[in-house]
C-alpha atoms as a PDB file:
ATOM      1  CA  MET A   1       0.044  -0.013   0.034  1.00  0.00           C
ATOM      2  CA  ILE A   2       2.795   2.482   0.706  1.00  0.00           C
ATOM      3  CA  ASP A   3       4.869   1.025  -2.261  1.00  0.00           C
ATOM      4  CA  TRP A   4       4.035   3.757  -4.603  1.00  0.00           C
ATOM      5  CA  LEU A   5       5.145   6.505  -1.974  1.00  0.00           C
ATOM      6  CA  LEU A   6       8.709   4.701  -1.649  1.00  0.00           C
ATOM      7  CA  SER A   7       8.828   4.609  -5.486  1.00  0.00           C
ATOM      8  CA  LEU A   8       8.515   8.441  -5.486  1.00  0.00           C
ATOM      9  CA  LEU A   9      11.408   8.880  -3.096  1.00  0.00           C
ATOM     10  CA  PRO A  10      14.938   9.037  -4.501  1.00  0.00           C
ATOM     11  CA  SER A  11      17.046   5.938  -4.107  1.00  0.00           C
ATOM     12  CA  GLY A  12      20.202   5.591  -1.958  1.00  0.00           C
ATOM     13  CA  GLU A  13      22.384   5.999  -5.113  1.00  0.00           C
ATOM     14  CA  MET A  14      20.586   9.274  -6.257  1.00  0.00           C
ATOM     15  CA  VAL A  15      20.835  10.752  -2.717  1.00  0.00           C
ATOM     16  CA  GLY A  16      24.571   9.751  -2.647  1.00  0.00           C
ATOM     17  CA  ASN A  17      25.223  11.299  -6.250  1.00  0.00           C
ATOM     18  CA  ALA A  18      23.397  14.460  -5.241  1.00  0.00           C
ATOM     19  CA  MET A  19      25.529  14.934  -1.963  1.00  0.00           C
ATOM     20  CA  TRP A  20      28.656  14.348  -3.950  1.00  0.00           C
ATOM     21  CA  VAL A  21      27.538  17.055  -6.491  1.00  0.00           C
ATOM     22  CA  LEU A  22      26.607  19.402  -3.567  1.00  0.00           C
ATOM     23  CA  GLY A  23      29.921  18.716  -1.811  1.00  0.00           C
ATOM     24  CA  THR A  24      31.775  19.366  -4.997  1.00  0.00           C
ATOM     25  CA  PHE A  25      30.180  22.607  -5.595  1.00  0.00           C
ATOM     26  CA  LEU A  26      30.749  23.818  -2.080  1.00  0.00           C
ATOM     27  CA  ILE A  27      34.457  23.082  -2.491  1.00  0.00           C
ATOM     28  CA  LEU A  28      34.448  24.893  -5.737  1.00  0.00           C
ATOM     29  CA  LEU A  29      32.938  27.820  -3.971  1.00  0.00           C
ATOM     30  CA  LEU A  30      35.941  27.843  -1.502  1.00  0.00           C
ATOM     31  CA  VAL A  31      38.729  27.532  -4.216  1.00  0.00           C
ATOM     32  CA  VAL A  32      39.270  31.146  -4.896  1.00  0.00           C
ATOM     33  CA  PRO A  33      39.019  32.508  -1.264  1.00  0.00           C
ATOM     34  CA  LEU A  34      41.398  29.757  -0.016  1.00  0.00           C
ATOM     35  CA  SER A  35      43.981  30.697  -2.812  1.00  0.00           C
ATOM     36  CA  ALA A  36      43.552  34.315  -1.650  1.00  0.00           C
ATOM     37  CA  LEU A  37      44.659  33.247   1.593  1.00  0.00           C
ATOM     38  CA  GLY A  38      47.515  31.488   0.426  1.00  0.00           C
ATOM     39  CA  LEU A  39      46.082  27.986   0.928  1.00  0.00           C
ATOM     40  CA  PRO A  40      45.983  25.379  -1.782  1.00  0.00           C
ATOM     41  CA  GLY A  41      42.371  25.868  -2.710  1.00  0.00           C
ATOM     42  CA  SER A  42      42.956  24.552  -6.404  1.00  0.00           C
ATOM     43  CA  TRP A  43      44.657  21.467  -5.144  1.00  0.00           C
ATOM     44  CA  LEU A  44      41.929  20.743  -2.629  1.00  0.00           C
ATOM     45  CA  ALA A  45      39.364  20.696  -5.483  1.00  0.00           C
ATOM     46  CA  LEU A  46      41.567  18.637  -7.780  1.00  0.00           C
ATOM     47  CA  LEU A  47      42.347  16.223  -4.879  1.00  0.00           C
ATOM     48  CA  TRP A  48      38.600  15.749  -4.166  1.00  0.00           C
ATOM     49  CA  CYS A  49      37.814  15.301  -7.907  1.00  0.00           C
ATOM     50  CA  GLY A  50      40.828  13.034  -8.434  1.00  0.00           C
ATOM     51  CA  ALA A  51      39.856  10.823  -5.391  1.00  0.00           C
ATOM     52  CA  SER A  52      36.364  10.656  -6.563  1.00  0.00           C
ATOM     53  CA  TYR A  53      37.483   9.519 -10.026  1.00  0.00           C
ATOM     54  CA  LEU A  54      39.571   6.760  -8.429  1.00  0.00           C
ATOM     55  CA  CYS A  55      36.594   5.689  -6.178  1.00  0.00           C
ATOM     56  CA  GLY A  56      34.469   5.338  -9.365  1.00  0.00           C
ATOM     57  CA  VAL A  57      32.622   8.649  -9.469  1.00  0.00           C
ATOM     58  CA  GLU A  58      33.481   9.651 -12.971  1.00  0.00           C
ATOM     59  CA  ALA A  59      31.667  12.980 -12.943  1.00  0.00           C
ATOM     60  CA  VAL A  60      34.917  14.891 -13.924  1.00  0.00           C
ATOM     61  CA  SER A  61      36.631  13.513 -16.832  1.00  0.00           C
ATOM     62  CA  LEU A  62      40.184  12.703 -17.036  1.00  0.00           C
ATOM     63  CA  TRP A  63      40.727  15.434 -19.812  1.00  0.00           C
ATOM     64  CA  TRP A  64      39.190  18.270 -17.925  1.00  0.00           C
ATOM     65  CA  LEU A  65      40.869  17.124 -14.671  1.00  0.00           C
ATOM     66  CA  GLY A  66      44.211  17.183 -16.475  1.00  0.00           C
ATOM     67  CA  GLY A  67      43.383  20.537 -17.919  1.00  0.00           C
ATOM     68  CA  ALA A  68      42.782  21.719 -14.371  1.00  0.00           C
ATOM     69  CA  VAL A  69      45.834  20.257 -13.034  1.00  0.00           C
ATOM     70  CA  ALA A  70      47.911  22.110 -15.719  1.00  0.00           C
ATOM     71  CA  VAL A  71      46.161  25.400 -15.037  1.00  0.00           C
ATOM     72  CA  ALA A  72      46.835  24.975 -11.261  1.00  0.00           C
ATOM     73  CA  ALA A  73      50.466  24.173 -11.621  1.00  0.00           C
ATOM     74  CA  GLY A  74      50.929  27.197 -14.105  1.00  0.00           C
ATOM     75  CA  GLY A  75      49.270  29.335 -11.571  1.00  0.00           C
ATOM     76  CA  GLU A  76      51.792  28.098  -8.712  1.00  0.00           C
ATOM     77  CA  LEU A  77      54.752  28.604 -11.231  1.00  0.00           C
ATOM     78  CA  VAL A  78      53.688  32.126 -12.192  1.00  0.00           C
ATOM     79  CA  GLU A  79      53.143  33.002  -8.783  1.00  0.00           C
ATOM     80  CA  GLN A  80      56.785  32.065  -7.751  1.00  0.00           C
ATOM     81  CA  VAL A  81      58.471  33.295 -10.844  1.00  0.00           C
ATOM     82  CA  LEU A  82      56.815  36.857 -10.842  1.00  0.00           C
ATOM     83  CA  GLY A  83      58.174  37.685  -7.341  1.00  0.00           C
ATOM     84  CA  ILE A  84      61.589  36.619  -8.317  1.00  0.00           C
ATOM     85  CA  ALA A  85      61.542  38.208 -11.761  1.00  0.00           C
ATOM     86  CA  ALA A  86      60.381  41.385 -10.438  1.00  0.00           C
ATOM     87  CA  THR A  87      63.254  41.572  -7.840  1.00  0.00           C
ATOM     88  CA  LYS A  88      65.595  40.903 -10.941  1.00  0.00           C
ATOM     89  CA  LYS A  89      63.858  43.614 -12.858  1.00  0.00           C
ATOM     90  CA  GLY A  90      64.345  46.002 -10.084  1.00  0.00           C
ATOM     91  CA  GLY A  91      68.123  45.575 -10.165  1.00  0.00           C
ATOM     92  CA  GLY A  92      68.277  42.883  -7.540  1.00  0.00           C
ATOM     93  CA  GLY A  93      70.874  40.090  -7.610  1.00  0.00           C
ATOM     94  CA  LYS A  94      70.639  36.385  -6.686  1.00  0.00           C
ATOM     95  CA  SER A  95      70.807  37.371  -2.913  1.00  0.00           C
ATOM     96  CA  GLY A  96      67.715  39.516  -3.350  1.00  0.00           C
ATOM     97  CA  MET A  97      65.849  36.842  -5.527  1.00  0.00           C
ATOM     98  CA  TRP A  98      66.532  34.204  -2.976  1.00  0.00           C
ATOM     99  CA  GLY A  99      65.592  36.516  -0.148  1.00  0.00           C
ATOM    100  CA  ALA A 100      62.225  37.634  -1.856  1.00  0.00           C
ATOM    101  CA  ALA A 101      61.447  33.962  -2.374  1.00  0.00           C
ATOM    102  CA  ILE A 102      62.351  32.819   1.093  1.00  0.00           C
ATOM    103  CA  GLY A 103      60.471  35.965   2.630  1.00  0.00           C
ATOM    104  CA  SER A 104      57.391  35.311   0.539  1.00  0.00           C
ATOM    105  CA  LEU A 105      57.256  31.437   1.708  1.00  0.00           C
ATOM    106  CA  VAL A 106      57.591  32.446   5.357  1.00  0.00           C
ATOM    107  CA  ALA A 107      55.251  35.303   5.198  1.00  0.00           C
ATOM    108  CA  GLY A 108      52.740  33.202   3.222  1.00  0.00           C
ATOM    109  CA  ILE A 109      52.549  30.777   6.144  1.00  0.00           C
ATOM    110  CA  VAL A 110      52.256  33.541   8.821  1.00  0.00           C
ATOM    111  CA  GLY A 111      49.747  35.563   6.540  1.00  0.00           C
ATOM    112  CA  MET A 112      47.194  32.858   6.948  1.00  0.00           C
ATOM    113  CA  PHE A 113      46.532  33.986  10.485  1.00  0.00           C
ATOM    114  CA  VAL A 114      46.825  37.834  10.060  1.00  0.00           C
ATOM    115  CA  PRO A 115      43.252  39.303   9.982  1.00  0.00           C
ATOM    116  CA  PRO A 116      41.245  40.623   7.910  1.00  0.00           C
ATOM    117  CA  PRO A 117      41.517  37.192   6.277  1.00  0.00           C
ATOM    118  CA  VAL A 118      42.454  37.825   2.671  1.00  0.00           C
ATOM    119  CA  ILE A 119      43.893  41.422   2.676  1.00  0.00           C
ATOM    120  CA  GLY A 120      45.969  40.352   5.673  1.00  0.00           C
ATOM    121  CA  ALA A 121      47.565  37.429   4.019  1.00  0.00           C
ATOM    122  CA  ILE A 122      48.188  39.558   0.748  1.00  0.00           C
ATOM    123  CA  LEU A 123      49.713  42.366   2.798  1.00  0.00           C
ATOM    124  CA  VAL A 124      51.810  40.146   4.704  1.00  0.00           C
ATOM    125  CA  ALA A 125      53.135  38.170   1.719  1.00  0.00           C
ATOM    126  CA  MET A 126      54.195  41.581   0.040  1.00  0.00           C
ATOM    127  CA  VAL A 127      55.859  42.671   3.241  1.00  0.00           C
ATOM    128  CA  GLY A 128      57.721  39.212   3.438  1.00  0.00           C
ATOM    129  CA  ALA A 129      58.926  39.534  -0.153  1.00  0.00           C
ATOM    130  CA  PHE A 130      60.074  43.166   0.522  1.00  0.00           C
ATOM    131  CA  LEU A 131      61.898  42.208   3.689  1.00  0.00           C
ATOM    132  CA  GLY A 132      63.404  39.022   2.216  1.00  0.00           C
ATOM    133  CA  ALA A 133      64.716  40.931  -0.905  1.00  0.00           C
ATOM    134  CA  PHE A 134      65.969  43.839   1.141  1.00  0.00           C
ATOM    135  CA  ALA A 135      67.844  41.497   3.659  1.00  0.00           C
ATOM    136  CA  GLY A 136      69.354  39.507   0.749  1.00  0.00           C
ATOM    137  CA  GLU A 137      70.616  42.808  -0.833  1.00  0.00           C
ATOM    138  CA  THR A 138      71.954  44.331   2.280  1.00  0.00           C
ATOM    139  CA  TRP A 139      73.370  41.423   4.206  1.00  0.00           C
ATOM    140  CA  PHE A 140      74.433  39.153   1.283  1.00  0.00           C
ATOM    141  CA  ALA A 141      75.055  41.333  -1.704  1.00  0.00           C
ATOM    142  CA  ALA A 142      76.684  44.208   0.667  1.00  0.00           C
ATOM    143  CA  ARG A 143      74.420  46.845  -0.874  1.00  0.00           C
ATOM    144  CA  SER A 144      73.438  49.995   1.017  1.00  0.00           C
ATOM    145  CA  SER A 145      69.960  50.416   2.209  1.00  0.00           C
ATOM    146  CA  LYS A 146      69.301  52.885  -0.527  1.00  0.00           C
ATOM    147  CA  GLU A 147      70.447  50.539  -3.192  1.00  0.00           C
ATOM    148  CA  ALA A 148      68.375  47.616  -1.793  1.00  0.00           C
ATOM    149  CA  MET A 149      65.197  49.639  -1.715  1.00  0.00           C
ATOM    150  CA  ARG A 150      64.420  49.411  -5.436  1.00  0.00           C
ATOM    151  CA  PRO A 151      64.770  45.697  -5.754  1.00  0.00           C
ATOM    152  CA  ALA A 152      62.823  45.129  -2.481  1.00  0.00           C
ATOM    153  CA  LEU A 153      59.865  47.411  -3.686  1.00  0.00           C
ATOM    154  CA  TRP A 154      59.917  45.485  -7.154  1.00  0.00           C
ATOM    155  CA  ALA A 155      59.826  42.138  -4.963  1.00  0.00           C
ATOM    156  CA  ALA A 156      56.673  43.230  -3.080  1.00  0.00           C
ATOM    157  CA  GLY A 157      54.953  44.340  -6.401  1.00  0.00           C
ATOM    158  CA  GLY A 158      55.692  41.047  -8.053  1.00  0.00           C
ATOM    159  CA  ARG A 159      54.601  39.153  -5.009  1.00  0.00           C
ATOM    160  CA  LEU A 160      51.201  40.991  -5.408  1.00  0.00           C
ATOM    161  CA  ALA A 161      51.093  40.116  -9.144  1.00  0.00           C
ATOM    162  CA  GLY A 162      51.928  36.603  -8.374  1.00  0.00           C
ATOM    163  CA  LEU A 163      49.170  36.388  -6.058  1.00  0.00           C
ATOM    164  CA  PHE A 164      46.921  37.742  -8.483  1.00  0.00           C
ATOM    165  CA  ALA A 165      47.843  35.273 -10.890  1.00  0.00           C
ATOM    166  CA  LYS A 166      47.319  32.397  -8.617  1.00  0.00           C
ATOM    167  CA  ILE A 167      43.939  33.718  -7.864  1.00  0.00           C
ATOM    168  CA  LEU A 168      42.978  33.800 -11.454  1.00  0.00           C
ATOM    169  CA  SER A 169      44.320  30.605 -12.089  1.00  0.00           C
ATOM    170  CA  SER A 170      42.340  29.136  -9.077  1.00  0.00           C
ATOM    171  CA  GLY A 171      39.136  30.707 -10.563  1.00  0.00           C
ATOM    172  CA  ILE A 172      39.755  29.008 -13.833  1.00  0.00           C
ATOM    173  CA  VAL A 173      40.288  25.697 -12.121  1.00  0.00           C
ATOM    174  CA  ALA A 174      37.017  25.866 -10.518  1.00  0.00           C
ATOM    175  CA  MET A 175      35.274  27.104 -13.755  1.00  0.00           C
ATOM    176  CA  LEU A 176      36.806  23.957 -15.511  1.00  0.00           C
ATOM    177  CA  ILE A 177      35.505  21.597 -12.947  1.00  0.00           C
ATOM    178  CA  ALA A 178      32.075  23.239 -12.885  1.00  0.00           C
ATOM    179  CA  ILE A 179      31.727  23.444 -16.618  1.00  0.00           C
ATOM    180  CA  ASP A 180      32.550  19.622 -16.723  1.00  0.00           C
ATOM    181  CA  LEU A 181      30.154  18.868 -13.876  1.00  0.00           C
ATOM    182  CA  GLY A 182      27.453  20.944 -15.660  1.00  0.00           C
ATOM    183  CA  ILE A 183      27.795  19.219 -18.940  1.00  0.00           C
ATOM    184  CA  ASP A 184      27.523  15.881 -17.162  1.00  0.00           C
ATOM    185  CA  LEU A 185      24.478  16.976 -15.339  1.00  0.00           C
ATOM    186  CA  ILE A 186      22.782  18.475 -18.537  1.00  0.00           C
ATOM    187  CA  TRP A 187      23.873  15.735 -20.719  1.00  0.00           C
ATOM    188  CA  PRO A 188      24.395  12.507 -18.785  1.00  0.00           C
ATOM    189  CA  GLU A 189      25.840   9.538 -20.646  1.00  0.00           C
END
C-alpha cells in the first residue's frame, strides 16, 4: 500500500550522487578564497575530484581534470616566478631573489593567521617579499639600504602580481571543474 510512495522517493544512489555534487560545488566555492589566503584551494578541489574519480565517481573526466591540473600548476609557477623576476627587474641580484622567495614563503605561512583574512594574507606576503629581498641585498650582496630599496619594492609588487595570477588560475580551475560537472548533469551518458 505504501509502495507507490516509496517509489517516488529518491534511491540511495541518487541521494549519494546528489550529496557528492553538492559537496563538490561547495568545495568549488571555496577555491578562490582559499587561494587568496595562500592556501592550496585549487589543489583541494583537484584532490577531491581525483579521489572521487579513483573511487568510481567519473563525473569529472580525466581530460578536464588534466587541464585543471595544468592550469593550477601554471598558476603556482607564475606566482613564484613573478616575485623573483620582479626583484631582478628592480636591479636585484641572486641574494635579493632568494631573499624574496624565502621571505614570501615564510610570510605566506604567517599571513594565513593575520586579519582581515584575505587582505592580511596579501599584505603580509608583500611585506615578506620586501623584507626578504631587502635583507638579501643588504646582508649578502653588501648593498646600501638605499640601493636595496628598489629591488625590495619590485619584489613586493611582483609578489602581489603573483598572488593575483594564482587567484586567477584558481578561478579557472574551479570553472573548468564546474563546466565539466554542468555538462555531465545536463547531458548524462
